[in-house]
Amino acid sequence: MGHTINIRKYAWTAMMLFVALAMTAQQLPLSNEAARLCQQKQLDAALQTSMQALTDDVESADAYAWYVNGYVWKELYKAKEYGLRNSPYREEAVRALEKSMKKNNASQHLTMTRLALRYLASTYYNDALQASRSISDKGEEEANALFGNFEKWMQMAEPGVVMTAYKKEFAKSIGQRYFALWQVNTENDSNRLKAALQYEKMLQLDSTDVDAYYNLSVIYYNQAVFMYRKINHETDMFDMMTIQETASKLIREEALPLMDKAYALAPEKGEVVHGKIILHRALDHEKDVEYFKQEITRLVREGKIKTERTY
């Protein structure tokens, strides 16, 4: 499963709001009052006052007024709509923070604004991962839209941020979901292809990703297994030989080379070594099976993996 972003470390933006109050008390009285009400958790009153501030020519021209407005929307989102993937409060919050960053005096409040925006971006990422785990045959539009919002706001909150790890984790989560759907209905080959596509995306982002090679190998192996399972007492002899050869070729020419790449990158990763055993056993490579079984024993002895399996 994917890793969520820890949003707690961005909660200290509330402390930053206190710091700004003294600087704005006289120049921006409505925004200052809205901030005070927000700190007292009177969020509805804070929003009403902040919206009033934005109708004032002086206050609406100031980045701080828009920051406070975005901050109040953010707090309302946390209090009333947290976890709601299409939250209007969150959308209002990011728009207000974006406007704050475009004002002439934006630099004065940029640190606070970016922290608040980064928090909201992180919620889009977490929601994107959650949506990816509930993808159905209807598609992945919601998950992709949420991730797109995450990318947009994260890059604005943290210019120059490297998105590779996030993109890989998101693709992996979608791949796992499609793989699970394929296991439920192996006749729906489109889910297998969609799962494989996500792991290929991971490798385009990072050609050294062990999990991507491993999961692609597992897909090809399972594809071969499902072919074998179609053989029964009614299967024609010629058809049986064709299925067996096609399945063996999948393991030999697709699954094993991918697992070899995973092993080259992580020779002491337990699941990869187990994968080598399973694939070599399927191909009747008994010497290789024995070698990797001994490797498992060594890794257990050295405390690098927890338990051996029965083969």
C-alpha atoms as a PDB file:
ATOM      1  CA  MET A   1       0.000   0.000   0.000  1.00  0.00           C
ATOM      2  CA  GLY A   2       1.028   3.595  -0.520  1.00  0.00           C
ATOM      3  CA  HIS A   3       2.476   5.813   2.149  1.00  0.00           C
ATOM      4  CA  THR A   4       0.496   8.854   3.176  1.00  0.00           C
ATOM      5  CA  ILE A   5       2.093  12.218   3.871  1.00  0.00           C
ATOM      6  CA  ASN A   6       2.354  13.045   7.550  1.00  0.00           C
ATOM      7  CA  ILE A   7       0.384  16.297   7.761  1.00  0.00           C
ATOM      8  CA  ARG A   8       0.874  16.879  11.474  1.00  0.00           C
ATOM      9  CA  LYS A   9       4.219  18.551  10.998  1.00  0.00           C
ATOM     10  CA  TYR A  10       2.493  21.358   9.076  1.00  0.00           C
ATOM     11  CA  ALA A  11       0.048  22.139  11.879  1.00  0.00           C
ATOM     12  CA  TRP A  12       2.442  24.706  13.317  1.00  0.00           C
ATOM     13  CA  THR A  13       1.258  27.142  10.662  1.00  0.00           C
ATOM     14  CA  ALA A  14      -1.279  28.099  13.336  1.00  0.00           C
ATOM     15  CA  MET A  15       1.566  29.489  15.420  1.00  0.00           C
ATOM     16  CA  MET A  16       2.712  31.548  12.450  1.00  0.00           C
ATOM     17  CA  LEU A  17      -0.713  33.166  12.329  1.00  0.00           C
ATOM     18  CA  PHE A  18      -0.251  34.534  15.836  1.00  0.00           C
ATOM     19  CA  VAL A  19       3.028  36.145  14.825  1.00  0.00           C
ATOM     20  CA  ALA A  20       1.351  38.042  12.021  1.00  0.00           C
ATOM     21  CA  LEU A  21      -1.464  39.455  14.145  1.00  0.00           C
ATOM     22  CA  ALA A  22       0.607  42.172  15.770  1.00  0.00           C
ATOM     23  CA  MET A  23       1.856  43.370  12.397  1.00  0.00           C
ATOM     24  CA  THR A  24      -1.616  43.712  10.888  1.00  0.00           C
ATOM     25  CA  ALA A  25      -3.722  44.972  13.791  1.00  0.00           C
ATOM     26  CA  GLN A  26      -3.956  48.527  12.547  1.00  0.00           C
ATOM     27  CA  GLN A  27      -3.541  48.210   8.795  1.00  0.00           C
ATOM     28  CA  LEU A  28      -5.950  45.294   8.287  1.00  0.00           C
ATOM     29  CA  PRO A  29      -8.474  45.294  11.141  1.00  0.00           C
ATOM     30  CA  LEU A  30     -10.988  42.924   9.557  1.00  0.00           C
ATOM     31  CA  SER A  31      -8.402  40.342   8.558  1.00  0.00           C
ATOM     32  CA  ASN A  32      -6.852  40.624  12.002  1.00  0.00           C
ATOM     33  CA  GLU A  33     -10.240  40.050  13.625  1.00  0.00           C
ATOM     34  CA  ALA A  34     -10.878  37.069  11.366  1.00  0.00           C
ATOM     35  CA  ALA A  35      -7.536  35.611  12.398  1.00  0.00           C
ATOM     36  CA  ARG A  36      -8.364  36.125  16.060  1.00  0.00           C
ATOM     37  CA  LEU A  37     -11.737  34.411  15.673  1.00  0.00           C
ATOM     38  CA  CYS A  38     -10.083  31.550  13.816  1.00  0.00           C
ATOM     39  CA  GLN A  39      -7.616  31.046  16.650  1.00  0.00           C
ATOM     40  CA  GLN A  40     -10.563  30.863  19.037  1.00  0.00           C
ATOM     41  CA  LYS A  41     -12.143  28.182  16.802  1.00  0.00           C
ATOM     42  CA  GLN A  42     -15.070  30.455  15.941  1.00  0.00           C
ATOM     43  CA  LEU A  43     -14.678  29.409  12.341  1.00  0.00           C
ATOM     44  CA  ASP A  44     -18.026  30.490  10.897  1.00  0.00           C
ATOM     45  CA  ALA A  45     -17.628  33.966  12.365  1.00  0.00           C
ATOM     46  CA  ALA A  46     -14.019  34.039  11.189  1.00  0.00           C
ATOM     47  CA  LEU A  47     -15.085  33.219   7.647  1.00  0.00           C
ATOM     48  CA  GLN A  48     -17.801  35.867   7.641  1.00  0.00           C
ATOM     49  CA  THR A  49     -15.342  38.518   8.837  1.00  0.00           C
ATOM     50  CA  SER A  50     -12.662  37.416   6.394  1.00  0.00           C
ATOM     51  CA  MET A  51     -15.070  37.534   3.468  1.00  0.00           C
ATOM     52  CA  GLN A  52     -16.053  41.036   4.566  1.00  0.00           C
ATOM     53  CA  ALA A  53     -12.378  41.994   4.566  1.00  0.00           C
ATOM     54  CA  LEU A  54     -12.060  40.916   0.951  1.00  0.00           C
ATOM     55  CA  THR A  55     -14.754  43.447  -0.053  1.00  0.00           C
ATOM     56  CA  ASP A  56     -12.580  46.249   1.311  1.00  0.00           C
ATOM     57  CA  ASP A  57     -10.270  47.798  -1.304  1.00  0.00           C
ATOM     58  CA  VAL A  58      -7.343  48.217   1.090  1.00  0.00           C
ATOM     59  CA  GLU A  59      -7.540  44.808   2.719  1.00  0.00           C
ATOM     60  CA  SER A  60      -8.253  42.834  -0.463  1.00  0.00           C
ATOM     61  CA  ALA A  61      -5.113  44.315  -2.029  1.00  0.00           C
ATOM     62  CA  ASP A  62      -2.974  42.835   0.734  1.00  0.00           C
ATOM     63  CA  ALA A  63      -1.575  39.302   0.605  1.00  0.00           C
ATOM     64  CA  TYR A  64      -2.268  38.799   4.300  1.00  0.00           C
ATOM     65  CA  ALA A  65      -6.025  39.217   3.867  1.00  0.00           C
ATOM     66  CA  TRP A  66      -6.064  36.417   1.312  1.00  0.00           C
ATOM     67  CA  TYR A  67      -3.775  34.281   3.470  1.00  0.00           C
ATOM     68  CA  VAL A  68      -6.178  34.623   6.413  1.00  0.00           C
ATOM     69  CA  ASN A  69      -9.102  33.786   4.158  1.00  0.00           C
ATOM     70  CA  GLY A  70      -7.342  30.686   2.869  1.00  0.00           C
ATOM     71  CA  TYR A  71      -6.331  29.714   6.373  1.00  0.00           C
ATOM     72  CA  VAL A  72      -9.921  29.992   7.643  1.00  0.00           C
ATOM     73  CA  TRP A  73     -11.180  27.875   4.739  1.00  0.00           C
ATOM     74  CA  LYS A  74      -8.457  25.354   5.561  1.00  0.00           C
ATOM     75  CA  GLU A  75      -9.573  25.150   9.188  1.00  0.00           C
ATOM     76  CA  LEU A  76     -13.182  24.737   8.101  1.00  0.00           C
ATOM     77  CA  TYR A  77     -12.106  21.922   5.800  1.00  0.00           C
ATOM     78  CA  LYS A  78     -10.305  20.210   8.682  1.00  0.00           C
ATOM     79  CA  ALA A  79     -13.299  20.632  10.986  1.00  0.00           C
ATOM     80  CA  LYS A  80     -16.146  19.783   8.608  1.00  0.00           C
ATOM     81  CA  GLU A  81     -14.979  18.181   5.370  1.00  0.00           C
ATOM     82  CA  TYR A  82     -11.713  16.401   6.084  1.00  0.00           C
ATOM     83  CA  GLY A  83     -11.616  13.207   4.020  1.00  0.00           C
ATOM     84  CA  LEU A  84     -14.231  14.517   1.585  1.00  0.00           C
ATOM     85  CA  ARG A  85     -12.434  14.142  -1.722  1.00  0.00           C
ATOM     86  CA  ASN A  86     -14.395  16.837  -3.521  1.00  0.00           C
ATOM     87  CA  SER A  87     -14.397  19.255  -0.577  1.00  0.00           C
ATOM     88  CA  PRO A  88     -15.508  22.775  -1.631  1.00  0.00           C
ATOM     89  CA  TYR A  89     -13.837  24.188   1.498  1.00  0.00           C
ATOM     90  CA  ARG A  90     -10.477  22.836   0.423  1.00  0.00           C
ATOM     91  CA  GLU A  91     -10.910  24.244  -3.075  1.00  0.00           C
ATOM     92  CA  GLU A  92     -11.714  27.678  -1.646  1.00  0.00           C
ATOM     93  CA  ALA A  93      -8.675  27.445   0.627  1.00  0.00           C
ATOM     94  CA  VAL A  94      -6.153  26.706  -2.116  1.00  0.00           C
ATOM     95  CA  ARG A  95      -7.607  29.403  -4.378  1.00  0.00           C
ATOM     96  CA  ALA A  96      -7.336  32.039  -1.647  1.00  0.00           C
ATOM     97  CA  LEU A  97      -3.766  31.013  -0.815  1.00  0.00           C
ATOM     98  CA  GLU A  98      -2.872  31.161  -4.494  1.00  0.00           C
ATOM     99  CA  LYS A  99      -4.251  34.715  -4.680  1.00  0.00           C
ATOM    100  CA  SER A 100      -2.213  35.665  -1.624  1.00  0.00           C
ATOM    101  CA  MET A 101       0.953  34.488  -3.367  1.00  0.00           C
ATOM    102  CA  LYS A 102       0.177  36.713  -6.382  1.00  0.00           C
ATOM    103  CA  LYS A 103      -0.210  39.978  -4.455  1.00  0.00           C
ATOM    104  CA  ASN A 104       2.476  42.665  -4.555  1.00  0.00           C
ATOM    105  CA  ASN A 105       3.485  42.143  -0.920  1.00  0.00           C
ATOM    106  CA  ALA A 106       3.259  38.350  -1.106  1.00  0.00           C
ATOM    107  CA  SER A 107       6.856  37.904   0.049  1.00  0.00           C
ATOM    108  CA  GLN A 108       5.989  39.222   3.521  1.00  0.00           C
ATOM    109  CA  HIS A 109       3.707  36.267   4.179  1.00  0.00           C
ATOM    110  CA  LEU A 110       5.133  33.692   1.786  1.00  0.00           C
ATOM    111  CA  THR A 111       6.458  31.275   4.409  1.00  0.00           C
ATOM    112  CA  MET A 112       3.086  31.040   6.156  1.00  0.00           C
ATOM    113  CA  THR A 113       1.191  30.771   2.901  1.00  0.00           C
ATOM    114  CA  ARG A 114       3.379  27.998   1.541  1.00  0.00           C
ATOM    115  CA  LEU A 115       3.106  26.005   4.745  1.00  0.00           C
ATOM    116  CA  ALA A 116      -0.692  26.170   4.649  1.00  0.00           C
ATOM    117  CA  LEU A 117      -0.718  25.292   0.958  1.00  0.00           C
ATOM    118  CA  ARG A 118       1.654  22.379   1.506  1.00  0.00           C
ATOM    119  CA  TYR A 119      -0.676  20.993   4.146  1.00  0.00           C
ATOM    120  CA  LEU A 120      -3.607  21.133   1.728  1.00  0.00           C
ATOM    121  CA  ALA A 121      -1.519  19.631  -1.066  1.00  0.00           C
ATOM    122  CA  SER A 122      -0.676  16.717   1.229  1.00  0.00           C
ATOM    123  CA  THR A 123      -4.379  16.030   1.779  1.00  0.00           C
ATOM    124  CA  TYR A 124      -4.894  15.826  -1.986  1.00  0.00           C
ATOM    125  CA  TYR A 125      -2.063  13.287  -2.156  1.00  0.00           C
ATOM    126  CA  ASN A 126      -3.499  11.172   0.647  1.00  0.00           C
ATOM    127  CA  ASP A 127      -6.940  11.298  -0.948  1.00  0.00           C
ATOM    128  CA  ALA A 128      -5.441  10.313  -4.312  1.00  0.00           C
ATOM    129  CA  LEU A 129      -3.911   7.220  -2.723  1.00  0.00           C
ATOM    130  CA  GLN A 130      -7.201   6.349  -1.045  1.00  0.00           C
ATOM    131  CA  ALA A 131      -9.062   6.773  -4.332  1.00  0.00           C
ATOM    132  CA  SER A 132      -6.518   4.595  -6.132  1.00  0.00           C
ATOM    133  CA  ARG A 133      -7.290   1.730  -3.740  1.00  0.00           C
ATOM    134  CA  SER A 134     -10.985   1.767  -4.632  1.00  0.00           C
ATOM    135  CA  ILE A 135     -10.677   2.037  -8.411  1.00  0.00           C
ATOM    136  CA  SER A 136     -13.275  -0.043 -10.218  1.00  0.00           C
ATOM    137  CA  ASP A 137     -13.801  -0.998 -13.828  1.00  0.00           C
ATOM    138  CA  LYS A 138     -15.206   2.524 -14.280  1.00  0.00           C
ATOM    139  CA  GLY A 139     -11.668   3.893 -14.349  1.00  0.00           C
ATOM    140  CA  GLU A 140      -9.217   5.968 -12.402  1.00  0.00           C
ATOM    141  CA  GLU A 141     -10.372   9.499 -13.262  1.00  0.00           C
ATOM    142  CA  GLU A 142     -11.019  10.552  -9.667  1.00  0.00           C
ATOM    143  CA  ALA A 143      -7.659   9.311  -8.421  1.00  0.00           C
ATOM    144  CA  ASN A 144      -5.812  11.002 -11.292  1.00  0.00           C
ATOM    145  CA  ALA A 145      -7.676  14.283 -10.759  1.00  0.00           C
ATOM    146  CA  LEU A 146      -6.787  14.300  -7.069  1.00  0.00           C
ATOM    147  CA  PHE A 147      -3.159  13.552  -7.845  1.00  0.00           C
ATOM    148  CA  GLY A 148      -3.175  16.328 -10.439  1.00  0.00           C
ATOM    149  CA  ASN A 149      -4.341  18.760  -7.754  1.00  0.00           C
ATOM    150  CA  PHE A 150      -1.613  17.503  -5.458  1.00  0.00           C
ATOM    151  CA  GLU A 151       1.026  18.127  -8.118  1.00  0.00           C
ATOM    152  CA  LYS A 152      -0.250  21.621  -8.863  1.00  0.00           C
ATOM    153  CA  TRP A 153      -0.422  22.842  -5.295  1.00  0.00           C
ATOM    154  CA  MET A 154       2.669  21.010  -4.077  1.00  0.00           C
ATOM    155  CA  GLN A 155       4.803  22.597  -6.786  1.00  0.00           C
ATOM    156  CA  MET A 156       3.406  26.001  -5.875  1.00  0.00           C
ATOM    157  CA  ALA A 157       3.980  25.427  -2.169  1.00  0.00           C
ATOM    158  CA  GLU A 158       7.472  24.060  -2.648  1.00  0.00           C
ATOM    159  CA  PRO A 159       9.007  25.259  -5.943  1.00  0.00           C
ATOM    160  CA  GLY A 160      11.541  22.817  -7.326  1.00  0.00           C
ATOM    161  CA  VAL A 161      10.181  19.875  -5.351  1.00  0.00           C
ATOM    162  CA  VAL A 162      11.090  16.514  -6.909  1.00  0.00           C
ATOM    163  CA  MET A 163       7.886  14.600  -7.603  1.00  0.00           C
ATOM    164  CA  THR A 164       9.401  11.251  -8.619  1.00  0.00           C
ATOM    165  CA  ALA A 165       8.816   9.418  -5.337  1.00  0.00           C
ATOM    166  CA  TYR A 166       5.190  10.598  -5.169  1.00  0.00           C
ATOM    167  CA  LYS A 167       4.527   9.605  -8.783  1.00  0.00           C
ATOM    168  CA  LYS A 168       6.044   6.170  -8.239  1.00  0.00           C
ATOM    169  CA  GLU A 169       4.024   5.538  -5.086  1.00  0.00           C
ATOM    170  CA  PHE A 170       0.822   6.614  -6.807  1.00  0.00           C
ATOM    171  CA  ALA A 171       1.479   4.410  -9.841  1.00  0.00           C
ATOM    172  CA  LYS A 172       2.315   1.482  -7.578  1.00  0.00           C
ATOM    173  CA  SER A 173      -0.946   1.902  -5.664  1.00  0.00           C
ATOM    174  CA  ILE A 174      -2.980   1.928  -8.887  1.00  0.00           C
ATOM    175  CA  GLY A 175      -1.040  -1.076 -10.159  1.00  0.00           C
ATOM    176  CA  GLN A 176      -1.805  -3.024  -6.997  1.00  0.00           C
ATOM    177  CA  ARG A 177      -5.480  -2.187  -7.341  1.00  0.00           C
ATOM    178  CA  TYR A 178      -5.695  -3.356 -10.948  1.00  0.00           C
ATOM    179  CA  PHE A 179      -3.750  -6.490 -10.040  1.00  0.00           C
ATOM    180  CA  ALA A 180      -6.292  -7.261  -7.292  1.00  0.00           C
ATOM    181  CA  LEU A 181      -9.176  -6.723  -9.729  1.00  0.00           C
ATOM    182  CA  TRP A 182      -7.512  -9.089 -12.190  1.00  0.00           C
ATOM    183  CA  GLN A 183      -7.178 -11.779  -9.505  1.00  0.00           C
ATOM    184  CA  VAL A 184     -10.939 -11.596  -8.921  1.00  0.00           C
ATOM    185  CA  ASN A 185     -11.698 -11.975 -12.625  1.00  0.00           C
ATOM    186  CA  THR A 186      -8.764 -13.403 -14.561  1.00  0.00           C
ATOM    187  CA  GLU A 187     -10.820 -13.402 -17.729  1.00  0.00           C
ATOM    188  CA  ASN A 188     -10.703  -9.589 -17.724  1.00  0.00           C
ATOM    189  CA  ASP A 189      -7.286  -9.215 -19.262  1.00  0.00           C
ATOM    190  CA  SER A 190      -7.574  -5.443 -19.417  1.00  0.00           C
ATOM    191  CA  ASN A 191      -6.949  -5.221 -15.662  1.00  0.00           C
ATOM    192  CA  ARG A 192      -3.733  -7.211 -16.073  1.00  0.00           C
ATOM    193  CA  LEU A 193      -2.566  -4.845 -18.806  1.00  0.00           C
ATOM    194  CA  LYS A 194      -3.496  -1.797 -16.743  1.00  0.00           C
ATOM    195  CA  ALA A 195      -1.570  -3.140 -13.759  1.00  0.00           C
ATOM    196  CA  ALA A 196       1.492  -3.797 -15.903  1.00  0.00           C
ATOM    197  CA  LEU A 197       1.268  -0.300 -17.386  1.00  0.00           C
ATOM    198  CA  GLN A 198       1.541   1.266 -13.924  1.00  0.00           C
ATOM    199  CA  TYR A 199       4.703  -0.676 -13.095  1.00  0.00           C
ATOM    200  CA  GLU A 200       6.156   0.270 -16.458  1.00  0.00           C
ATOM    201  CA  LYS A 201       5.451   3.911 -15.559  1.00  0.00           C
ATOM    202  CA  MET A 202       7.442   3.393 -12.393  1.00  0.00           C
ATOM    203  CA  LEU A 203      10.404   2.117 -14.396  1.00  0.00           C
ATOM    204  CA  GLN A 204      10.190   5.104 -16.732  1.00  0.00           C
ATOM    205  CA  LEU A 205      10.542   7.285 -13.655  1.00  0.00           C
ATOM    206  CA  ASP A 206      13.225   5.124 -12.050  1.00  0.00           C
ATOM    207  CA  SER A 207      14.915   2.274 -13.894  1.00  0.00           C
ATOM    208  CA  THR A 208      16.274   0.928 -10.590  1.00  0.00           C
ATOM    209  CA  ASP A 209      12.935   0.403  -8.858  1.00  0.00           C
ATOM    210  CA  VAL A 210      13.022  -3.132  -7.440  1.00  0.00           C
ATOM    211  CA  ASP A 211       9.305  -3.297  -6.667  1.00  0.00           C
ATOM    212  CA  ALA A 212       8.376  -2.465 -10.259  1.00  0.00           C
ATOM    213  CA  TYR A 213      10.527  -5.284 -11.678  1.00  0.00           C
ATOM    214  CA  TYR A 214       9.259  -7.697  -9.033  1.00  0.00           C
ATOM    215  CA  ASN A 215       5.581  -6.884  -9.578  1.00  0.00           C
ATOM    216  CA  LEU A 216       5.881  -7.092 -13.363  1.00  0.00           C
ATOM    217  CA  SER A 217       7.502 -10.498 -12.953  1.00  0.00           C
ATOM    218  CA  VAL A 218       4.650 -11.641 -10.721  1.00  0.00           C
ATOM    219  CA  ILE A 219       2.116 -10.514 -13.315  1.00  0.00           C
ATOM    220  CA  TYR A 220       3.737 -12.605 -16.051  1.00  0.00           C
ATOM    221  CA  TYR A 221       4.091 -15.598 -13.729  1.00  0.00           C
ATOM    222  CA  ASN A 222       0.443 -15.432 -12.683  1.00  0.00           C
ATOM    223  CA  GLN A 223      -0.596 -15.055 -16.303  1.00  0.00           C
ATOM    224  CA  ALA A 224       1.181 -18.352 -16.991  1.00  0.00           C
ATOM    225  CA  VAL A 225      -0.398 -20.012 -13.945  1.00  0.00           C
ATOM    226  CA  PHE A 226      -3.893 -18.984 -15.030  1.00  0.00           C
ATOM    227  CA  MET A 227      -3.184 -20.493 -18.444  1.00  0.00           C
ATOM    228  CA  TYR A 228      -2.163 -23.789 -16.829  1.00  0.00           C
ATOM    229  CA  ARG A 229      -5.357 -23.800 -14.756  1.00  0.00           C
ATOM    230  CA  LYS A 230      -7.477 -23.869 -17.897  1.00  0.00           C
ATOM    231  CA  ILE A 231      -6.166 -27.352 -18.690  1.00  0.00           C
ATOM    232  CA  ASN A 232      -8.603 -30.078 -17.675  1.00  0.00           C
ATOM    233  CA  HIS A 233      -9.656 -33.572 -18.707  1.00  0.00           C
ATOM    234  CA  GLU A 234     -11.513 -32.169 -21.714  1.00  0.00           C
ATOM    235  CA  THR A 235      -8.505 -30.274 -23.100  1.00  0.00           C
ATOM    236  CA  ASP A 236      -7.296 -31.558 -26.448  1.00  0.00           C
ATOM    237  CA  MET A 237      -3.752 -32.972 -26.367  1.00  0.00           C
ATOM    238  CA  PHE A 238      -2.490 -30.506 -28.982  1.00  0.00           C
ATOM    239  CA  ASP A 239      -4.113 -27.581 -27.177  1.00  0.00           C
ATOM    240  CA  MET A 240      -2.608 -28.730 -23.874  1.00  0.00           C
ATOM    241  CA  MET A 241       0.893 -28.811 -25.385  1.00  0.00           C
ATOM    242  CA  THR A 242       0.397 -25.354 -26.876  1.00  0.00           C
ATOM    243  CA  ILE A 243      -0.783 -23.928 -23.542  1.00  0.00           C
ATOM    244  CA  GLN A 244       2.099 -25.528 -21.670  1.00  0.00           C
ATOM    245  CA  GLU A 245       4.689 -24.184 -24.098  1.00  0.00           C
ATOM    246  CA  THR A 246       3.166 -20.690 -24.141  1.00  0.00           C
ATOM    247  CA  ALA A 247       3.009 -20.576 -20.347  1.00  0.00           C
ATOM    248  CA  SER A 248       6.562 -21.864 -19.996  1.00  0.00           C
ATOM    249  CA  LYS A 249       7.772 -19.243 -22.462  1.00  0.00           C
ATOM    250  CA  LEU A 250       6.075 -16.486 -20.445  1.00  0.00           C
ATOM    251  CA  ILE A 251       7.928 -17.564 -17.326  1.00  0.00           C
ATOM    252  CA  ARG A 252      11.248 -18.157 -19.084  1.00  0.00           C
ATOM    253  CA  GLU A 253      11.346 -15.081 -21.325  1.00  0.00           C
ATOM    254  CA  GLU A 254       9.287 -12.515 -19.410  1.00  0.00           C
ATOM    255  CA  ALA A 255       8.918 -13.300 -15.708  1.00  0.00           C
ATOM    256  CA  LEU A 256      12.412 -14.628 -14.988  1.00  0.00           C
ATOM    257  CA  PRO A 257      14.401 -11.813 -16.694  1.00  0.00           C
ATOM    258  CA  LEU A 258      12.395  -9.245 -14.730  1.00  0.00           C
ATOM    259  CA  MET A 259      12.980 -11.083 -11.471  1.00  0.00           C
ATOM    260  CA  ASP A 260      16.670 -11.314 -12.388  1.00  0.00           C
ATOM    261  CA  LYS A 261      16.763  -7.513 -12.643  1.00  0.00           C
ATOM    262  CA  ALA A 262      15.080  -7.186  -9.268  1.00  0.00           C
ATOM    263  CA  TYR A 263      17.592  -9.639  -7.793  1.00  0.00           C
ATOM    264  CA  ALA A 264      20.552  -7.781  -9.287  1.00  0.00           C
ATOM    265  CA  LEU A 265      19.351  -4.629  -7.537  1.00  0.00           C
ATOM    266  CA  ALA A 266      18.343  -6.262  -4.239  1.00  0.00           C
ATOM    267  CA  PRO A 267      19.992  -9.699  -3.854  1.00  0.00           C
ATOM    268  CA  GLU A 268      19.099  -9.932  -0.170  1.00  0.00           C
ATOM    269  CA  LYS A 269      15.455  -8.893  -0.372  1.00  0.00           C
ATOM    270  CA  GLY A 270      13.452 -11.872   0.858  1.00  0.00           C
ATOM    271  CA  GLU A 271      10.491 -11.669  -1.507  1.00  0.00           C
ATOM    272  CA  VAL A 272      12.792 -11.364  -4.514  1.00  0.00           C
ATOM    273  CA  VAL A 273      14.801 -14.459  -3.525  1.00  0.00           C
ATOM    274  CA  HIS A 274      11.542 -16.324  -2.922  1.00  0.00           C
ATOM    275  CA  GLY A 275      10.447 -15.205  -6.380  1.00  0.00           C
ATOM    276  CA  LYS A 276      13.612 -16.652  -7.899  1.00  0.00           C
ATOM    277  CA  ILE A 277      12.878 -20.004  -6.251  1.00  0.00           C
ATOM    278  CA  ILE A 278       9.305 -20.123  -7.521  1.00  0.00           C
ATOM    279  CA  LEU A 279      10.238 -19.215 -11.095  1.00  0.00           C
ATOM    280  CA  HIS A 280      13.156 -21.620 -11.296  1.00  0.00           C
ATOM    281  CA  ARG A 281      10.989 -24.384  -9.845  1.00  0.00           C
ATOM    282  CA  ALA A 282       8.334 -23.717 -12.485  1.00  0.00           C
ATOM    283  CA  LEU A 283      11.042 -24.177 -15.132  1.00  0.00           C
ATOM    284  CA  ASP A 284      12.482 -27.334 -13.459  1.00  0.00           C
ATOM    285  CA  HIS A 285      15.790 -25.603 -12.712  1.00  0.00           C
ATOM    286  CA  GLU A 286      16.447 -27.684  -9.621  1.00  0.00           C
ATOM    287  CA  LYS A 287      20.071 -26.572  -9.140  1.00  0.00           C
ATOM    288  CA  ASP A 288      18.958 -22.950  -9.089  1.00  0.00           C
ATOM    289  CA  VAL A 289      16.133 -23.818  -6.708  1.00  0.00           C
ATOM    290  CA  GLU A 290      18.583 -25.402  -4.267  1.00  0.00           C
ATOM    291  CA  TYR A 291      20.990 -22.480  -4.530  1.00  0.00           C
ATOM    292  CA  PHE A 292      18.351 -19.887  -3.692  1.00  0.00           C
ATOM    293  CA  LYS A 293      16.890 -22.038  -0.918  1.00  0.00           C
ATOM    294  CA  GLN A 294      20.344 -21.977   0.649  1.00  0.00           C
ATOM    295  CA  GLU A 295      20.388 -18.214   0.198  1.00  0.00           C
ATOM    296  CA  ILE A 296      17.102 -18.000   2.106  1.00  0.00           C
ATOM    297  CA  THR A 297      18.582 -20.091   4.909  1.00  0.00           C
ATOM    298  CA  ARG A 298      21.607 -17.767   5.056  1.00  0.00           C
ATOM    299  CA  LEU A 299      19.463 -14.635   5.110  1.00  0.00           C
ATOM    300  CA  VAL A 300      17.347 -16.046   7.942  1.00  0.00           C
ATOM    301  CA  ARG A 301      20.468 -17.039   9.862  1.00  0.00           C
ATOM    302  CA  GLU A 302      21.918 -13.550   9.466  1.00  0.00           C
ATOM    303  CA  GLY A 303      18.643 -11.952  10.538  1.00  0.00           C
ATOM    304  CA  LYS A 304      18.065 -10.241   7.195  1.00  0.00           C
ATOM    305  CA  ILE A 305      14.691 -11.886   6.681  1.00  0.00           C
ATOM    306  CA  LYS A 306      12.438 -13.385   9.341  1.00  0.00           C
ATOM    307  CA  THR A 307      11.293 -16.832   8.234  1.00  0.00           C
ATOM    308  CA  GLU A 308      11.811 -19.482   5.619  1.00  0.00           C
ATOM    309  CA  ARG A 309       8.992 -20.878   3.529  1.00  0.00           C
ATOM    310  CA  THR A 310       8.117 -24.449   2.681  1.00  0.00           C
ATOM    311  CA  TYR A 311       8.647 -25.301  -0.983  1.00  0.00           C
END
